[in-house]
C-alpha atoms as a PDB file:
ATOM      1  CA  MET A   1      -7.776   1.841  13.592  1.00  0.00           C
ATOM      2  CA  GLY A   2      -6.725   5.247  14.759  1.00  0.00           C
ATOM      3  CA  HIS A   3      -3.953   4.635  17.282  1.00  0.00           C
ATOM      4  CA  LEU A   4      -2.949   8.209  18.030  1.00  0.00           C
ATOM      5  CA  ASN A   5       0.490   7.253  19.304  1.00  0.00           C
ATOM      6  CA  SER A   6       1.275   5.035  16.328  1.00  0.00           C
ATOM      7  CA  THR A   7       4.632   5.445  14.621  1.00  0.00           C
ATOM      8  CA  PHE A   8       3.094   5.095  11.156  1.00  0.00           C
ATOM      9  CA  ASP A   9       0.109   5.952   9.016  1.00  0.00           C
ATOM     10  CA  ALA A  10      -1.007   3.723   6.154  1.00  0.00           C
ATOM     11  CA  VAL A  11      -1.871   4.901   2.642  1.00  0.00           C
ATOM     12  CA  ILE A  12      -3.688   2.268   0.565  1.00  0.00           C
ATOM     13  CA  LEU A  13      -3.972   3.006  -3.146  1.00  0.00           C
ATOM     14  CA  ALA A  14      -7.418   1.816  -4.229  1.00  0.00           C
ATOM     15  CA  GLY A  15      -8.466   4.062  -7.090  1.00  0.00           C
ATOM     16  CA  GLY A  16      -7.051   2.460 -10.227  1.00  0.00           C
ATOM     17  CA  ALA A  17      -8.988   1.439 -13.314  1.00  0.00           C
ATOM     18  CA  ALA A  18      -8.321  -2.306 -12.731  1.00  0.00           C
ATOM     19  CA  ARG A  19      -7.968  -2.917 -16.488  1.00  0.00           C
ATOM     20  CA  ARG A  20      -6.514  -6.417 -15.987  1.00  0.00           C
ATOM     21  CA  PHE A  21      -9.396  -7.071 -13.598  1.00  0.00           C
ATOM     22  CA  GLY A  22     -12.070  -6.496 -16.222  1.00  0.00           C
ATOM     23  CA  GLY A  23     -12.719  -2.972 -14.936  1.00  0.00           C
ATOM     24  CA  SER A  24     -14.589  -4.245 -11.853  1.00  0.00           C
ATOM     25  CA  ASP A  25     -13.916  -3.084  -8.276  1.00  0.00           C
ATOM     26  CA  LYS A  26     -10.638  -4.880  -7.539  1.00  0.00           C
ATOM     27  CA  PRO A  27     -10.282  -3.683  -3.904  1.00  0.00           C
ATOM     28  CA  GLY A  28     -13.832  -4.924  -3.273  1.00  0.00           C
ATOM     29  CA  ALA A  29     -13.313  -8.349  -4.884  1.00  0.00           C
ATOM     30  CA  LEU A  30     -14.172 -11.054  -2.382  1.00  0.00           C
ATOM     31  CA  LEU A  31     -11.520 -13.429  -1.114  1.00  0.00           C
ATOM     32  CA  GLN A  32     -12.833 -15.962   1.416  1.00  0.00           C
ATOM     33  CA  GLY A  33     -15.922 -13.756   1.727  1.00  0.00           C
ATOM     34  CA  ARG A  34     -13.963 -10.566   2.512  1.00  0.00           C
ATOM     35  CA  PRO A  35     -13.031  -7.664   0.222  1.00  0.00           C
ATOM     36  CA  LEU A  36      -9.343  -7.690  -0.800  1.00  0.00           C
ATOM     37  CA  ILE A  37      -8.784  -4.245   0.714  1.00  0.00           C
ATOM     38  CA  THR A  38      -9.807  -5.499   4.173  1.00  0.00           C
ATOM     39  CA  TRP A  39      -6.936  -8.018   4.120  1.00  0.00           C
ATOM     40  CA  VAL A  40      -4.541  -5.087   3.634  1.00  0.00           C
ATOM     41  CA  ALA A  41      -6.284  -2.939   6.260  1.00  0.00           C
ATOM     42  CA  ASP A  42      -5.935  -5.786   8.788  1.00  0.00           C
ATOM     43  CA  ALA A  43      -2.170  -5.797   8.231  1.00  0.00           C
ATOM     44  CA  VAL A  44      -2.003  -2.117   9.219  1.00  0.00           C
ATOM     45  CA  ALA A  45      -4.496  -2.220  12.102  1.00  0.00           C
ATOM     46  CA  ASP A  46      -1.838  -0.502  14.269  1.00  0.00           C
ATOM     47  CA  ALA A  47      -1.601   2.507  11.951  1.00  0.00           C
ATOM     48  CA  GLY A  48      -2.412   5.878  13.423  1.00  0.00           C
ATOM     49  CA  ARG A  49      -4.438   6.736  10.333  1.00  0.00           C
ATOM     50  CA  LEU A  50      -5.789   4.482   7.620  1.00  0.00           C
ATOM     51  CA  ILE A  51      -5.913   6.560   4.436  1.00  0.00           C
ATOM     52  CA  VAL A  52      -7.590   5.109   1.353  1.00  0.00           C
ATOM     53  CA  VAL A  53      -6.942   6.836  -1.959  1.00  0.00           C
ATOM     54  CA  GLY A  54     -10.004   6.071  -4.034  1.00  0.00           C
ATOM     55  CA  PRO A  55     -13.734   6.028  -3.556  1.00  0.00           C
ATOM     56  CA  PRO A  56     -15.127   5.702  -0.004  1.00  0.00           C
ATOM     57  CA  ARG A  57     -15.244   2.071   1.159  1.00  0.00           C
ATOM     58  CA  ALA A  58     -18.233   0.963   3.234  1.00  0.00           C
ATOM     59  CA  GLU A  59     -16.161  -1.982   4.500  1.00  0.00           C
ATOM     60  CA  LEU A  60     -13.637   0.469   6.055  1.00  0.00           C
ATOM     61  CA  PRO A  61     -15.852   3.019   7.833  1.00  0.00           C
ATOM     62  CA  THR A  62     -13.016   4.505   9.934  1.00  0.00           C
ATOM     63  CA  ALA A  63     -10.713   5.111   6.959  1.00  0.00           C
ATOM     64  CA  LEU A  64     -10.008   8.610   5.732  1.00  0.00           C
ATOM     65  CA  THR A  65     -10.658   8.760   2.006  1.00  0.00           C
ATOM     66  CA  VAL A  66      -9.225  11.081  -0.600  1.00  0.00           C
ATOM     67  CA  ARG A  67      -9.128  11.057  -4.394  1.00  0.00           C
ATOM     68  CA  GLU A  68      -6.081  11.686  -6.554  1.00  0.00           C
ATOM     69  CA  ASP A  69      -6.219  14.489  -9.095  1.00  0.00           C
ATOM     70  CA  PRO A  70      -7.135  13.485 -11.696  1.00  0.00           C
ATOM     71  CA  PRO A  71      -9.001  10.362 -10.489  1.00  0.00           C
ATOM     72  CA  GLY A  72      -7.310   7.328 -12.013  1.00  0.00           C
ATOM     73  CA  GLY A  73      -4.185   9.436 -12.599  1.00  0.00           C
ATOM     74  CA  GLY A  74      -1.829   6.736 -11.385  1.00  0.00           C
ATOM     75  CA  PRO A  75       0.176   5.873  -8.282  1.00  0.00           C
ATOM     76  CA  VAL A  76       2.256   9.060  -8.001  1.00  0.00           C
ATOM     77  CA  PRO A  77      -0.743  11.451  -7.895  1.00  0.00           C
ATOM     78  CA  ALA A  78      -2.489   8.942  -5.612  1.00  0.00           C
ATOM     79  CA  LEU A  79       0.471   8.907  -3.207  1.00  0.00           C
ATOM     80  CA  ARG A  80       0.566  12.715  -3.299  1.00  0.00           C
ATOM     81  CA  ALA A  81      -3.129  12.845  -2.311  1.00  0.00           C
ATOM     82  CA  GLY A  82      -2.831  10.230   0.423  1.00  0.00           C
ATOM     83  CA  LEU A  83       0.348  11.681   1.894  1.00  0.00           C
ATOM     84  CA  GLY A  84      -1.488  14.965   2.356  1.00  0.00           C
ATOM     85  CA  LEU A  85      -3.479  13.308   5.171  1.00  0.00           C
ATOM     86  CA  ALA A  86      -0.552  11.495   6.828  1.00  0.00           C
ATOM     87  CA  LYS A  87       0.619  12.839  10.176  1.00  0.00           C
ATOM     88  CA  ALA A  88       2.911  10.109  11.578  1.00  0.00           C
ATOM     89  CA  GLY A  89       6.679  10.027  11.089  1.00  0.00           C
ATOM     90  CA  TRP A  90       6.444   6.951   8.866  1.00  0.00           C
ATOM     91  CA  THR A  91       4.021   6.108   6.071  1.00  0.00           C
ATOM     92  CA  ALA A  92       3.226   2.611   4.830  1.00  0.00           C
ATOM     93  CA  LEU A  93       2.487   2.770   1.088  1.00  0.00           C
ATOM     94  CA  LEU A  94       0.390  -0.201   0.026  1.00  0.00           C
ATOM     95  CA  ALA A  95      -1.673  -1.547  -2.831  1.00  0.00           C
ATOM     96  CA  ALA A  96      -5.244  -2.648  -2.090  1.00  0.00           C
ATOM     97  CA  ASP A  97      -4.736  -6.134  -3.580  1.00  0.00           C
ATOM     98  CA  LEU A  98      -2.244  -7.814  -1.219  1.00  0.00           C
ATOM     99  CA  PRO A  99      -3.980 -10.788   0.447  1.00  0.00           C
ATOM    100  CA  PHE A 100      -0.743 -12.190   1.903  1.00  0.00           C
ATOM    101  CA  LEU A 101       0.366  -8.976   3.635  1.00  0.00           C
ATOM    102  CA  ARG A 102       0.465  -9.362   7.410  1.00  0.00           C
ATOM    103  CA  ALA A 103       1.180  -7.092  10.374  1.00  0.00           C
ATOM    104  CA  SER A 104       4.467  -8.997  10.783  1.00  0.00           C
ATOM    105  CA  ASP A 105       5.517  -7.808   7.288  1.00  0.00           C
ATOM    106  CA  ILE A 106       4.823  -4.197   8.271  1.00  0.00           C
ATOM    107  CA  ALA A 107       6.790  -4.665  11.514  1.00  0.00           C
ATOM    108  CA  ARG A 108       9.735  -6.153   9.560  1.00  0.00           C
ATOM    109  CA  LEU A 109       9.658  -3.228   7.119  1.00  0.00           C
ATOM    110  CA  LEU A 110       9.539  -0.643   9.909  1.00  0.00           C
ATOM    111  CA  ALA A 111      12.438  -2.294  11.753  1.00  0.00           C
ATOM    112  CA  ALA A 112      14.544  -2.568   8.595  1.00  0.00           C
ATOM    113  CA  ALA A 113      13.822   1.024   7.545  1.00  0.00           C
ATOM    114  CA  LYS A 114      14.990   2.701  10.771  1.00  0.00           C
ATOM    115  CA  PRO A 115      18.537   3.574   9.600  1.00  0.00           C
ATOM    116  CA  ALA A 116      17.343   4.591   6.105  1.00  0.00           C
ATOM    117  CA  ASP A 117      14.643   6.585   4.312  1.00  0.00           C
ATOM    118  CA  GLY A 118      12.460   3.530   3.914  1.00  0.00           C
ATOM    119  CA  ALA A 119      12.136  -0.147   3.201  1.00  0.00           C
ATOM    120  CA  VAL A 120      10.408  -2.093   0.452  1.00  0.00           C
ATOM    121  CA  LEU A 121       9.470  -5.754   0.125  1.00  0.00           C
ATOM    122  CA  VAL A 122      11.271  -7.709  -2.570  1.00  0.00           C
ATOM    123  CA  ASP A 123       9.488 -10.728  -4.060  1.00  0.00           C
ATOM    124  CA  GLY A 124      10.967 -14.173  -4.690  1.00  0.00           C
ATOM    125  CA  ASP A 125      12.115 -13.067  -8.160  1.00  0.00           C
ATOM    126  CA  GLY A 126      14.119 -10.164  -6.688  1.00  0.00           C
ATOM    127  CA  ARG A 127      11.664  -7.446  -7.822  1.00  0.00           C
ATOM    128  CA  GLU A 128      10.926  -4.508  -5.537  1.00  0.00           C
ATOM    129  CA  GLN A 129       7.243  -4.304  -4.671  1.00  0.00           C
ATOM    130  CA  TRP A 130       6.953  -0.514  -4.689  1.00  0.00           C
ATOM    131  CA  LEU A 131       3.392  -0.688  -3.344  1.00  0.00           C
ATOM    132  CA  THR A 132       4.539  -2.576  -0.254  1.00  0.00           C
ATOM    133  CA  GLY A 133       6.889  -0.350   1.664  1.00  0.00           C
ATOM    134  CA  VAL A 134       7.327   2.030   4.571  1.00  0.00           C
ATOM    135  CA  TRP A 135       8.915   5.435   4.236  1.00  0.00           C
ATOM    136  CA  ARG A 136       9.872   8.404   6.372  1.00  0.00           C
ATOM    137  CA  THR A 137       6.957  10.769   5.783  1.00  0.00           C
ATOM    138  CA  PRO A 138       9.061  13.976   5.496  1.00  0.00           C
ATOM    139  CA  VAL A 139      11.440  12.286   3.025  1.00  0.00           C
ATOM    140  CA  LEU A 140       8.493  11.148   0.887  1.00  0.00           C
ATOM    141  CA  ARG A 141       7.044  14.673   0.922  1.00  0.00           C
ATOM    142  CA  ARG A 142      10.362  16.182  -0.195  1.00  0.00           C
ATOM    143  CA  ALA A 143      10.849  13.553  -2.902  1.00  0.00           C
ATOM    144  CA  LEU A 144       7.307  14.094  -4.217  1.00  0.00           C
ATOM    145  CA  GLY A 145       7.787  17.856  -4.218  1.00  0.00           C
ATOM    146  CA  ALA A 146      10.811  17.540  -6.484  1.00  0.00           C
ATOM    147  CA  TYR A 147       9.490  14.731  -8.704  1.00  0.00           C
ATOM    148  CA  GLN A 148       7.874  15.337 -12.080  1.00  0.00           C
ATOM    149  CA  GLY A 149       7.649  11.729 -13.294  1.00  0.00           C
ATOM    150  CA  ALA A 150       4.827   9.195 -13.188  1.00  0.00           C
ATOM    151  CA  SER A 151       6.695   6.082 -11.982  1.00  0.00           C
ATOM    152  CA  LEU A 152       6.772   5.011  -8.343  1.00  0.00           C
ATOM    153  CA  ARG A 153      10.055   3.246  -9.058  1.00  0.00           C
ATOM    154  CA  GLY A 154      11.464   6.518 -10.392  1.00  0.00           C
ATOM    155  CA  LEU A 155      10.325   8.316  -7.232  1.00  0.00           C
ATOM    156  CA  LEU A 156      11.343   5.736  -4.619  1.00  0.00           C
ATOM    157  CA  ASN A 157      14.387   3.925  -6.035  1.00  0.00           C
ATOM    158  CA  PRO A 158      16.752   6.937  -5.599  1.00  0.00           C
ATOM    159  CA  LEU A 159      15.931   7.127  -1.874  1.00  0.00           C
ATOM    160  CA  ASP A 160      18.118   5.467   0.771  1.00  0.00           C
ATOM    161  CA  LEU A 161      16.149   2.243   1.059  1.00  0.00           C
ATOM    162  CA  VAL A 162      16.465  -1.216   2.506  1.00  0.00           C
ATOM    163  CA  ARG A 163      15.190  -4.185   0.494  1.00  0.00           C
ATOM    164  CA  VAL A 164      13.410  -6.775   2.635  1.00  0.00           C
ATOM    165  CA  PRO A 165      12.777 -10.257   1.185  1.00  0.00           C
ATOM    166  CA  VAL A 166       9.212 -11.547   1.463  1.00  0.00           C
ATOM    167  CA  SER A 167       8.490 -14.392   3.847  1.00  0.00           C
ATOM    168  CA  GLY A 168       5.904 -16.906   2.791  1.00  0.00           C
ATOM    169  CA  PRO A 169       3.638 -16.816  -0.275  1.00  0.00           C
ATOM    170  CA  TRP A 170       3.524 -13.503  -2.079  1.00  0.00           C
ATOM    171  CA  PHE A 171       1.670 -11.935  -4.994  1.00  0.00           C
ATOM    172  CA  ASP A 172      -0.827  -9.206  -5.654  1.00  0.00           C
ATOM    173  CA  CYS A 173      -4.192  -9.945  -7.238  1.00  0.00           C
ATOM    174  CA  ASP A 174      -4.140  -8.297 -10.664  1.00  0.00           C
ATOM    175  CA  THR A 175      -6.696 -10.678 -12.204  1.00  0.00           C
ATOM    176  CA  LEU A 176      -9.700 -12.730 -11.111  1.00  0.00           C
ATOM    177  CA  ASP A 177      -7.518 -15.827 -11.611  1.00  0.00           C
ATOM    178  CA  ASP A 178      -5.082 -14.376  -9.047  1.00  0.00           C
ATOM    179  CA  VAL A 179      -7.942 -14.056  -6.535  1.00  0.00           C
ATOM    180  CA  THR A 180      -8.880 -17.698  -7.153  1.00  0.00           C
ATOM    181  CA  ARG A 181      -5.239 -18.789  -6.725  1.00  0.00           C
ATOM    182  CA  ALA A 182      -4.937 -16.729  -3.506  1.00  0.00           C
ATOM    183  CA  GLY A 183      -8.082 -18.372  -2.148  1.00  0.00           C
ATOM    184  CA  LYS A 184      -6.622 -21.823  -2.761  1.00  0.00           C
ATOM    185  CA  LEU A 185      -3.343 -20.892  -1.030  1.00  0.00           C
ATOM    186  CA  LEU A 186      -5.171 -19.390   1.949  1.00  0.00           C
ATOM    187  CA  ALA A 187      -7.538 -22.380   2.329  1.00  0.00           C
END
């Protein structure tokens, strides 16, 4: 981590209540013996800064950590907090529960986003995955400054964005069953 000449910083949102996960530590849930959040961090190993919004993570000792205000306040306040530490021209906005995210996905998003404000992955059902995208940092800051809502879709959808179809298996791990299913697919 910490490539000073990197074109992007990564903000991983890891502070939610994980209600569908039984309230346990979803980013710390083990998949093939590794916490879910480390799978995401590996995909952004080239980031200039790894910013985790949520409690400090022992498994990511080089990450900068920040809490949203109020803690558990949702993805928009979390993005606002994380973006405050971003310095690169681009920011990858990611969930902490994406075991199939790879560096190649981030590279595809960055390449696709160049002529626009950002790029977001679109799953096999055609749904934008708002917590898997890259965005021009100044554009995100301006959009956040003018936005009063609570929905990431409401914040990001009006921007000039490119939709990038996923390649390979894709889902986030919202439940313990999802973690089990991911483990079987990765095996």
